Amino acid sequence: MPPSQPAYPTQRAFVVQLHAETDVAQSEVWGRAEHIVSGQVTYFQTVEELAQFMVHVLTSTTEPAQGG
């Protein structure tokens, strides 16, 4: 039986930092995001840009092979 995969794999980990002047209540969200494993970084000005970055990274990064 293959080992179970973690619920939160490292390959899907990001650090998201919101700018000090971000006002989430007013939908003014901007900041910086970094993919932990690859080190790819982006600056975003909308939640949509943040989501696009995450989709790009997760669909272009190869998941590590499962040992066996």
N, C-alpha and C. Protein backbone atom coordinates (compact mmCIF):
# COMPACT_ATOMS: atom_id res chain seq x y z
N MET A 1 0.84 -1.17 0.00
CA MET A 1 0.00 0.00 0.00
C MET A 1 0.89 1.24 0.00
N PRO A 2 0.66 2.22 -0.93
CA PRO A 2 1.50 3.42 -0.98
C PRO A 2 1.26 4.29 0.26
N PRO A 3 2.31 5.01 0.67
CA PRO A 3 2.14 5.88 1.84
C PRO A 3 1.11 6.96 1.54
N SER A 4 0.38 7.35 2.56
CA SER A 4 -0.63 8.39 2.35
C SER A 4 0.05 9.73 2.12
N GLN A 5 -0.58 10.54 1.30
CA GLN A 5 -0.03 11.86 1.02
C GLN A 5 -0.52 12.84 2.08
N PRO A 6 0.31 13.82 2.42
CA PRO A 6 -0.12 14.80 3.42
C PRO A 6 -1.28 15.64 2.88
N ALA A 7 -2.12 16.09 3.76
CA ALA A 7 -3.25 16.92 3.37
C ALA A 7 -2.78 18.27 2.82
N TYR A 8 -1.64 18.74 3.30
CA TYR A 8 -1.09 20.02 2.86
C TYR A 8 0.34 19.83 2.39
N PRO A 9 0.52 19.33 1.15
CA PRO A 9 1.88 19.05 0.67
C PRO A 9 2.71 20.32 0.49
N THR A 10 3.98 20.20 0.77
CA THR A 10 4.91 21.33 0.66
C THR A 10 4.91 21.92 -0.74
N GLN A 11 4.72 21.09 -1.75
CA GLN A 11 4.73 21.57 -3.13
C GLN A 11 3.62 22.58 -3.40
N ARG A 12 2.64 22.66 -2.52
CA ARG A 12 1.52 23.59 -2.70
C ARG A 12 1.54 24.70 -1.66
N ALA A 13 2.70 24.96 -1.08
CA ALA A 13 2.81 25.97 -0.03
C ALA A 13 3.25 27.31 -0.61
N PHE A 14 2.58 28.35 -0.17
CA PHE A 14 2.88 29.73 -0.57
C PHE A 14 2.96 30.60 0.68
N VAL A 15 3.76 31.66 0.59
CA VAL A 15 3.73 32.72 1.59
C VAL A 15 3.09 33.91 0.91
N VAL A 16 2.08 34.48 1.54
CA VAL A 16 1.40 35.65 1.00
C VAL A 16 1.55 36.77 2.02
N GLN A 17 2.13 37.88 1.58
CA GLN A 17 2.29 39.05 2.44
C GLN A 17 1.43 40.16 1.86
N LEU A 18 0.57 40.72 2.70
CA LEU A 18 -0.27 41.83 2.27
C LEU A 18 0.40 43.15 2.64
N HIS A 19 0.33 44.10 1.73
CA HIS A 19 0.89 45.42 1.95
C HIS A 19 0.24 46.05 3.18
N ALA A 20 0.99 46.87 3.89
CA ALA A 20 0.48 47.49 5.12
C ALA A 20 -0.78 48.33 4.90
N GLU A 21 -0.93 48.87 3.69
CA GLU A 21 -2.10 49.71 3.41
C GLU A 21 -3.26 48.96 2.76
N THR A 22 -3.16 47.63 2.70
CA THR A 22 -4.25 46.83 2.16
C THR A 22 -5.50 47.03 3.01
N ASP A 23 -6.64 47.19 2.32
CA ASP A 23 -7.92 47.33 3.00
C ASP A 23 -8.86 46.26 2.46
N VAL A 24 -8.83 45.10 3.09
CA VAL A 24 -9.60 43.96 2.63
C VAL A 24 -11.09 44.30 2.59
N ALA A 25 -11.57 45.05 3.57
CA ALA A 25 -12.99 45.41 3.63
C ALA A 25 -13.42 46.23 2.42
N GLN A 26 -12.49 46.95 1.82
CA GLN A 26 -12.78 47.75 0.63
C GLN A 26 -12.33 47.06 -0.66
N SER A 27 -11.98 45.79 -0.56
CA SER A 27 -11.49 45.00 -1.69
C SER A 27 -10.23 45.59 -2.31
N GLU A 28 -9.45 46.27 -1.51
CA GLU A 28 -8.15 46.80 -1.95
C GLU A 28 -7.08 45.89 -1.38
N VAL A 29 -6.68 44.91 -2.20
CA VAL A 29 -5.74 43.89 -1.74
C VAL A 29 -4.53 43.90 -2.66
N TRP A 30 -3.38 44.15 -2.10
CA TRP A 30 -2.16 44.01 -2.89
C TRP A 30 -1.04 43.55 -1.98
N GLY A 31 -0.05 42.93 -2.63
CA GLY A 31 1.06 42.40 -1.83
C GLY A 31 2.01 41.56 -2.65
N ARG A 32 2.59 40.59 -1.99
CA ARG A 32 3.64 39.75 -2.55
C ARG A 32 3.33 38.30 -2.22
N ALA A 33 3.61 37.41 -3.16
CA ALA A 33 3.42 35.98 -2.92
C ALA A 33 4.66 35.24 -3.38
N GLU A 34 5.03 34.21 -2.62
CA GLU A 34 6.19 33.39 -2.97
C GLU A 34 5.82 31.92 -2.84
N HIS A 35 6.17 31.15 -3.86
CA HIS A 35 5.99 29.70 -3.81
C HIS A 35 7.18 29.13 -3.05
N ILE A 36 6.92 28.41 -1.98
CA ILE A 36 7.98 27.95 -1.08
C ILE A 36 8.99 27.05 -1.76
N VAL A 37 8.55 26.08 -2.53
CA VAL A 37 9.45 25.09 -3.11
C VAL A 37 10.30 25.68 -4.24
N SER A 38 9.68 26.40 -5.16
CA SER A 38 10.40 26.91 -6.34
C SER A 38 11.05 28.27 -6.11
N GLY A 39 10.55 29.02 -5.15
CA GLY A 39 11.07 30.36 -4.91
C GLY A 39 10.52 31.41 -5.85
N GLN A 40 9.58 31.02 -6.72
CA GLN A 40 8.98 31.99 -7.63
C GLN A 40 8.22 33.05 -6.82
N VAL A 41 8.36 34.31 -7.24
CA VAL A 41 7.76 35.42 -6.53
C VAL A 41 6.96 36.28 -7.50
N THR A 42 5.86 36.83 -7.00
CA THR A 42 5.11 37.80 -7.78
C THR A 42 4.59 38.87 -6.85
N TYR A 43 4.31 40.03 -7.41
CA TYR A 43 3.62 41.09 -6.71
C TYR A 43 2.25 41.19 -7.35
N PHE A 44 1.22 41.34 -6.56
CA PHE A 44 -0.13 41.36 -7.08
C PHE A 44 -0.88 42.58 -6.56
N GLN A 45 -1.88 43.00 -7.34
CA GLN A 45 -2.69 44.15 -6.97
C GLN A 45 -4.16 43.79 -6.80
N THR A 46 -4.49 42.53 -7.11
CA THR A 46 -5.86 42.04 -6.94
C THR A 46 -5.81 40.59 -6.50
N VAL A 47 -6.89 40.14 -5.91
CA VAL A 47 -7.00 38.73 -5.54
C VAL A 47 -6.93 37.86 -6.79
N GLU A 48 -7.47 38.35 -7.89
CA GLU A 48 -7.43 37.59 -9.15
C GLU A 48 -6.00 37.38 -9.62
N GLU A 49 -5.15 38.41 -9.51
CA GLU A 49 -3.75 38.25 -9.89
C GLU A 49 -3.05 37.24 -8.99
N LEU A 50 -3.36 37.25 -7.71
CA LEU A 50 -2.80 36.26 -6.78
C LEU A 50 -3.22 34.86 -7.20
N ALA A 51 -4.49 34.67 -7.48
CA ALA A 51 -4.99 33.35 -7.89
C ALA A 51 -4.35 32.91 -9.20
N GLN A 52 -4.19 33.83 -10.15
CA GLN A 52 -3.56 33.48 -11.43
C GLN A 52 -2.12 33.01 -11.21
N PHE A 53 -1.39 33.66 -10.34
CA PHE A 53 -0.03 33.25 -10.03
C PHE A 53 -0.01 31.83 -9.46
N MET A 54 -0.90 31.57 -8.51
CA MET A 54 -0.95 30.25 -7.90
C MET A 54 -1.30 29.18 -8.92
N VAL A 55 -2.26 29.45 -9.77
CA VAL A 55 -2.63 28.49 -10.82
C VAL A 55 -1.44 28.24 -11.74
N HIS A 56 -0.77 29.31 -12.14
CA HIS A 56 0.39 29.17 -13.03
C HIS A 56 1.46 28.30 -12.39
N VAL A 57 1.81 28.58 -11.15
CA VAL A 57 2.85 27.82 -10.47
C VAL A 57 2.45 26.36 -10.31
N LEU A 58 1.23 26.13 -9.86
CA LEU A 58 0.80 24.75 -9.59
C LEU A 58 0.61 23.92 -10.84
N THR A 59 0.33 24.56 -11.96
CA THR A 59 0.15 23.79 -13.20
C THR A 59 1.44 23.66 -13.99
N SER A 60 2.47 24.44 -13.64
CA SER A 60 3.73 24.33 -14.36
C SER A 60 4.82 23.66 -13.54
N THR A 61 4.54 23.34 -12.29
CA THR A 61 5.50 22.68 -11.42
C THR A 61 5.22 21.19 -11.40
N THR A 62 6.23 20.42 -11.63
CA THR A 62 6.08 18.96 -11.62
C THR A 62 6.03 18.47 -10.19
N GLU A 63 5.03 17.69 -9.87
CA GLU A 63 4.94 17.07 -8.55
C GLU A 63 6.07 16.05 -8.43
N PRO A 64 6.68 15.92 -7.25
CA PRO A 64 7.76 14.94 -7.10
C PRO A 64 7.22 13.52 -7.28
N ALA A 65 8.09 12.68 -7.79
CA ALA A 65 7.71 11.27 -8.00
C ALA A 65 7.48 10.60 -6.67
N GLN A 66 6.50 9.73 -6.63
CA GLN A 66 6.21 8.96 -5.42
C GLN A 66 7.22 7.82 -5.33
N GLY A 67 7.86 7.69 -4.21
CA GLY A 67 8.87 6.63 -4.02
C GLY A 67 8.23 5.25 -4.03
N GLY A 68 9.00 4.27 -4.40
CA GLY A 68 8.41 2.95 -4.43
C GLY A 68 9.37 1.83 -4.44
